[in-house]
Amino acid sequence: MRDNVETLYGAIDDGAIAVWKPKHAKKEREAYLDCGLLCRGFARLRCERCEESRLVAFSCKGRGFCPSCLGRRMCATAANLIEDVLPEVAF
């Protein structure tokens, strides 16, 4: 996958493909490709009661097109609206 993206970047830089790309787009795509991969970084979490541990991969926290990070952001925004912004109404 990463080889295909590098080939695309090379073709765009050489002028073989006439595509306009914003400066932040390459950074966003690179972060998306690394999102959720344990080989790109992780945190080890351990329960103090049962001593079970898990590895949690770092996320890209992207705003562009990462479905995992966008879903997390959407849930956090909805929770904020319900708990802090919108008033309670009686039914």
N, C-alpha and C. Protein backbone atom coordinates (compact mmCIF):
# COMPACT_ATOMS: atom_id res chain seq x y z
N MET A 1 0.83 -1.19 0.00
CA MET A 1 0.00 0.00 0.00
C MET A 1 0.87 1.25 0.00
N ARG A 2 1.88 1.25 0.87
CA ARG A 2 2.74 2.43 0.97
C ARG A 2 3.52 2.64 -0.33
N ASP A 3 3.89 1.54 -1.01
CA ASP A 3 4.62 1.68 -2.29
C ASP A 3 3.74 2.36 -3.34
N ASN A 4 2.46 2.01 -3.35
CA ASN A 4 1.54 2.64 -4.30
C ASN A 4 1.41 4.14 -4.05
N VAL A 5 1.37 4.51 -2.78
CA VAL A 5 1.26 5.93 -2.44
C VAL A 5 2.53 6.67 -2.84
N GLU A 6 3.68 6.07 -2.60
CA GLU A 6 4.94 6.71 -3.00
C GLU A 6 5.03 6.87 -4.51
N THR A 7 4.54 5.88 -5.26
CA THR A 7 4.50 5.98 -6.72
C THR A 7 3.60 7.13 -7.15
N LEU A 8 2.46 7.26 -6.50
CA LEU A 8 1.54 8.36 -6.80
C LEU A 8 2.19 9.70 -6.51
N TYR A 9 2.85 9.84 -5.36
CA TYR A 9 3.53 11.09 -5.01
C TYR A 9 4.60 11.43 -6.04
N GLY A 10 5.35 10.44 -6.48
CA GLY A 10 6.39 10.67 -7.48
C GLY A 10 5.82 11.14 -8.80
N ALA A 11 4.72 10.54 -9.23
CA ALA A 11 4.08 10.93 -10.49
C ALA A 11 3.54 12.36 -10.41
N ILE A 12 2.99 12.73 -9.27
CA ILE A 12 2.48 14.08 -9.11
C ILE A 12 3.62 15.09 -9.09
N ASP A 13 4.70 14.77 -8.37
CA ASP A 13 5.85 15.68 -8.29
C ASP A 13 6.55 15.85 -9.63
N ASP A 14 6.58 14.79 -10.45
CA ASP A 14 7.22 14.85 -11.77
C ASP A 14 6.35 15.54 -12.81
N GLY A 15 5.08 15.75 -12.51
CA GLY A 15 4.17 16.37 -13.45
C GLY A 15 3.49 15.40 -14.38
N ALA A 16 3.67 14.08 -14.16
CA ALA A 16 3.03 13.07 -15.00
C ALA A 16 1.52 13.06 -14.77
N ILE A 17 1.10 13.40 -13.58
CA ILE A 17 -0.31 13.50 -13.26
C ILE A 17 -0.58 14.93 -12.81
N ALA A 18 -1.54 15.57 -13.47
CA ALA A 18 -1.85 16.96 -13.14
C ALA A 18 -2.92 16.98 -12.05
N VAL A 19 -2.46 16.96 -10.82
CA VAL A 19 -3.36 16.95 -9.68
C VAL A 19 -2.92 18.05 -8.72
N TRP A 20 -3.88 18.83 -8.26
CA TRP A 20 -3.57 19.82 -7.24
C TRP A 20 -3.73 19.15 -5.89
N LYS A 21 -2.73 19.28 -5.04
CA LYS A 21 -2.83 18.69 -3.71
C LYS A 21 -2.48 19.73 -2.66
N PRO A 22 -3.32 19.89 -1.67
CA PRO A 22 -3.01 20.82 -0.59
C PRO A 22 -1.80 20.33 0.18
N LYS A 23 -1.09 21.25 0.81
CA LYS A 23 0.13 20.88 1.54
C LYS A 23 -0.14 19.92 2.69
N HIS A 24 -1.30 20.06 3.33
CA HIS A 24 -1.59 19.19 4.47
C HIS A 24 -2.05 17.80 4.06
N ALA A 25 -2.38 17.60 2.79
CA ALA A 25 -2.95 16.33 2.35
C ALA A 25 -1.96 15.18 2.47
N LYS A 26 -0.69 15.40 2.13
CA LYS A 26 0.30 14.33 2.21
C LYS A 26 0.50 13.91 3.67
N LYS A 27 0.59 14.88 4.56
CA LYS A 27 0.77 14.57 5.98
C LYS A 27 -0.44 13.78 6.51
N GLU A 28 -1.63 14.18 6.10
CA GLU A 28 -2.85 13.49 6.53
C GLU A 28 -2.88 12.05 6.03
N ARG A 29 -2.51 11.84 4.76
CA ARG A 29 -2.48 10.48 4.20
C ARG A 29 -1.45 9.62 4.89
N GLU A 30 -0.26 10.17 5.14
CA GLU A 30 0.80 9.41 5.81
C GLU A 30 0.36 9.00 7.21
N ALA A 31 -0.27 9.90 7.93
CA ALA A 31 -0.75 9.58 9.28
C ALA A 31 -1.83 8.51 9.23
N TYR A 32 -2.71 8.58 8.23
CA TYR A 32 -3.78 7.58 8.09
C TYR A 32 -3.19 6.19 7.85
N LEU A 33 -2.16 6.10 7.02
CA LEU A 33 -1.56 4.81 6.74
C LEU A 33 -0.89 4.20 7.97
N ASP A 34 -0.47 5.04 8.92
CA ASP A 34 0.17 4.55 10.14
C ASP A 34 -0.82 4.38 11.29
N CYS A 35 -2.04 4.79 11.13
CA CYS A 35 -3.03 4.80 12.21
C CYS A 35 -3.38 3.37 12.63
N GLY A 36 -3.27 3.11 13.92
CA GLY A 36 -3.68 1.83 14.47
C GLY A 36 -2.71 0.68 14.27
N LEU A 37 -1.51 0.94 13.77
CA LEU A 37 -0.53 -0.12 13.58
C LEU A 37 0.39 -0.19 14.79
N LEU A 38 0.48 -1.36 15.40
CA LEU A 38 1.33 -1.52 16.57
C LEU A 38 2.80 -1.27 16.25
N CYS A 39 3.21 -1.57 15.02
CA CYS A 39 4.62 -1.37 14.65
C CYS A 39 4.97 0.11 14.53
N ARG A 40 3.98 1.00 14.50
CA ARG A 40 4.22 2.44 14.40
C ARG A 40 4.15 3.14 15.76
N GLY A 41 3.86 2.39 16.80
CA GLY A 41 3.83 2.96 18.15
C GLY A 41 2.61 2.50 18.92
N PHE A 42 2.80 2.29 20.20
CA PHE A 42 1.70 1.81 21.03
C PHE A 42 1.95 2.16 22.49
N ALA A 43 0.92 2.00 23.28
CA ALA A 43 1.00 2.15 24.73
C ALA A 43 0.58 0.82 25.34
N ARG A 44 1.24 0.43 26.41
CA ARG A 44 0.86 -0.80 27.11
C ARG A 44 0.02 -0.39 28.32
N LEU A 45 -1.19 -0.92 28.40
CA LEU A 45 -2.09 -0.64 29.51
C LEU A 45 -2.19 -1.90 30.37
N ARG A 46 -2.18 -1.72 31.69
CA ARG A 46 -2.23 -2.85 32.60
C ARG A 46 -3.25 -2.59 33.70
N CYS A 47 -4.08 -3.57 33.95
CA CYS A 47 -5.06 -3.49 35.03
C CYS A 47 -4.34 -3.82 36.34
N GLU A 48 -4.49 -2.94 37.33
CA GLU A 48 -3.82 -3.17 38.60
C GLU A 48 -4.47 -4.29 39.41
N ARG A 49 -5.75 -4.53 39.18
CA ARG A 49 -6.43 -5.59 39.93
C ARG A 49 -6.12 -6.98 39.41
N CYS A 50 -6.30 -7.19 38.11
CA CYS A 50 -6.15 -8.55 37.56
C CYS A 50 -4.82 -8.76 36.84
N GLU A 51 -4.01 -7.72 36.72
CA GLU A 51 -2.69 -7.79 36.09
C GLU A 51 -2.73 -8.08 34.59
N GLU A 52 -3.91 -8.01 33.97
CA GLU A 52 -3.99 -8.20 32.52
C GLU A 52 -3.44 -6.96 31.83
N SER A 53 -2.72 -7.18 30.73
CA SER A 53 -2.19 -6.03 29.99
C SER A 53 -2.59 -6.13 28.53
N ARG A 54 -2.69 -4.98 27.90
CA ARG A 54 -3.04 -4.89 26.48
C ARG A 54 -2.19 -3.83 25.82
N LEU A 55 -1.97 -4.01 24.53
CA LEU A 55 -1.29 -3.01 23.73
C LEU A 55 -2.35 -2.21 22.97
N VAL A 56 -2.23 -0.90 23.02
CA VAL A 56 -3.16 -0.03 22.30
C VAL A 56 -2.35 0.80 21.33
N ALA A 57 -2.64 0.63 20.04
CA ALA A 57 -1.90 1.34 19.00
C ALA A 57 -2.26 2.82 19.00
N PHE A 58 -1.28 3.65 18.66
CA PHE A 58 -1.52 5.09 18.55
C PHE A 58 -2.42 5.37 17.35
N SER A 59 -3.22 6.41 17.45
CA SER A 59 -4.09 6.79 16.35
C SER A 59 -3.56 8.07 15.71
N CYS A 60 -4.01 8.33 14.49
CA CYS A 60 -3.53 9.51 13.76
C CYS A 60 -4.24 10.78 14.21
N LYS A 61 -5.42 10.65 14.82
CA LYS A 61 -6.23 11.79 15.25
C LYS A 61 -6.52 12.73 14.08
N GLY A 62 -6.66 12.13 12.90
CA GLY A 62 -6.86 12.92 11.70
C GLY A 62 -8.26 13.50 11.59
N ARG A 63 -8.36 14.54 10.81
CA ARG A 63 -9.65 15.18 10.56
C ARG A 63 -10.07 15.00 9.12
N GLY A 64 -9.27 14.30 8.34
CA GLY A 64 -9.54 14.19 6.92
C GLY A 64 -10.43 13.03 6.56
N PHE A 65 -9.92 11.82 6.57
CA PHE A 65 -10.71 10.69 6.10
C PHE A 65 -10.44 9.39 6.84
N CYS A 66 -9.84 9.42 8.01
CA CYS A 66 -9.62 8.20 8.79
C CYS A 66 -10.92 7.83 9.49
N PRO A 67 -11.55 6.71 9.11
CA PRO A 67 -12.85 6.38 9.68
C PRO A 67 -12.80 6.13 11.19
N SER A 68 -11.74 5.55 11.67
CA SER A 68 -11.63 5.28 13.10
C SER A 68 -11.56 6.58 13.90
N CYS A 69 -10.69 7.48 13.50
CA CYS A 69 -10.51 8.74 14.23
C CYS A 69 -11.71 9.66 14.07
N LEU A 70 -12.33 9.66 12.89
CA LEU A 70 -13.52 10.50 12.69
C LEU A 70 -14.70 9.99 13.51
N GLY A 71 -14.83 8.66 13.63
CA GLY A 71 -15.88 8.10 14.47
C GLY A 71 -15.71 8.46 15.93
N ARG A 72 -14.47 8.41 16.40
CA ARG A 72 -14.17 8.77 17.79
C ARG A 72 -14.49 10.25 18.02
N ARG A 73 -14.10 11.10 17.08
CA ARG A 73 -14.36 12.53 17.20
C ARG A 73 -15.86 12.82 17.16
N MET A 74 -16.59 12.09 16.32
CA MET A 74 -18.03 12.28 16.23
C MET A 74 -18.71 11.92 17.56
N CYS A 75 -18.30 10.82 18.17
CA CYS A 75 -18.89 10.41 19.46
C CYS A 75 -18.56 11.41 20.56
N ALA A 76 -17.33 11.92 20.57
CA ALA A 76 -16.95 12.91 21.58
C ALA A 76 -17.74 14.20 21.41
N THR A 77 -17.95 14.62 20.17
CA THR A 77 -18.73 15.84 19.92
C THR A 77 -20.18 15.67 20.34
N ALA A 78 -20.76 14.51 20.03
CA ALA A 78 -22.14 14.25 20.42
C ALA A 78 -22.29 14.23 21.94
N ALA A 79 -21.34 13.60 22.63
CA ALA A 79 -21.39 13.56 24.10
C ALA A 79 -21.28 14.96 24.68
N ASN A 80 -20.42 15.78 24.12
CA ASN A 80 -20.27 17.16 24.59
C ASN A 80 -21.56 17.95 24.38
N LEU A 81 -22.19 17.79 23.23
CA LEU A 81 -23.44 18.50 22.96
C LEU A 81 -24.53 18.08 23.95
N ILE A 82 -24.65 16.79 24.19
CA ILE A 82 -25.70 16.30 25.07
C ILE A 82 -25.45 16.69 26.53
N GLU A 83 -24.22 16.58 26.97
CA GLU A 83 -23.91 16.81 28.39
C GLU A 83 -23.72 18.28 28.76
N ASP A 84 -23.13 19.07 27.86
CA ASP A 84 -22.72 20.43 28.24
C ASP A 84 -23.39 21.56 27.47
N VAL A 85 -23.86 21.32 26.28
CA VAL A 85 -24.31 22.42 25.43
C VAL A 85 -25.83 22.53 25.37
N LEU A 86 -26.48 21.46 24.98
CA LEU A 86 -27.93 21.51 24.78
C LEU A 86 -28.67 21.45 26.12
N PRO A 87 -29.71 22.24 26.28
CA PRO A 87 -30.47 22.20 27.54
C PRO A 87 -31.36 20.97 27.60
N GLU A 88 -31.65 20.55 28.82
CA GLU A 88 -32.58 19.43 29.00
C GLU A 88 -34.00 19.94 28.77
N VAL A 89 -34.80 19.11 28.12
CA VAL A 89 -36.20 19.46 27.87
C VAL A 89 -37.09 18.35 28.39
N ALA A 90 -38.24 18.70 28.88
CA ALA A 90 -39.20 17.70 29.37
C ALA A 90 -40.03 17.19 28.20
N PHE A 91 -40.34 15.92 28.23
CA PHE A 91 -41.17 15.33 27.19
C PHE A 91 -42.59 15.28 27.60
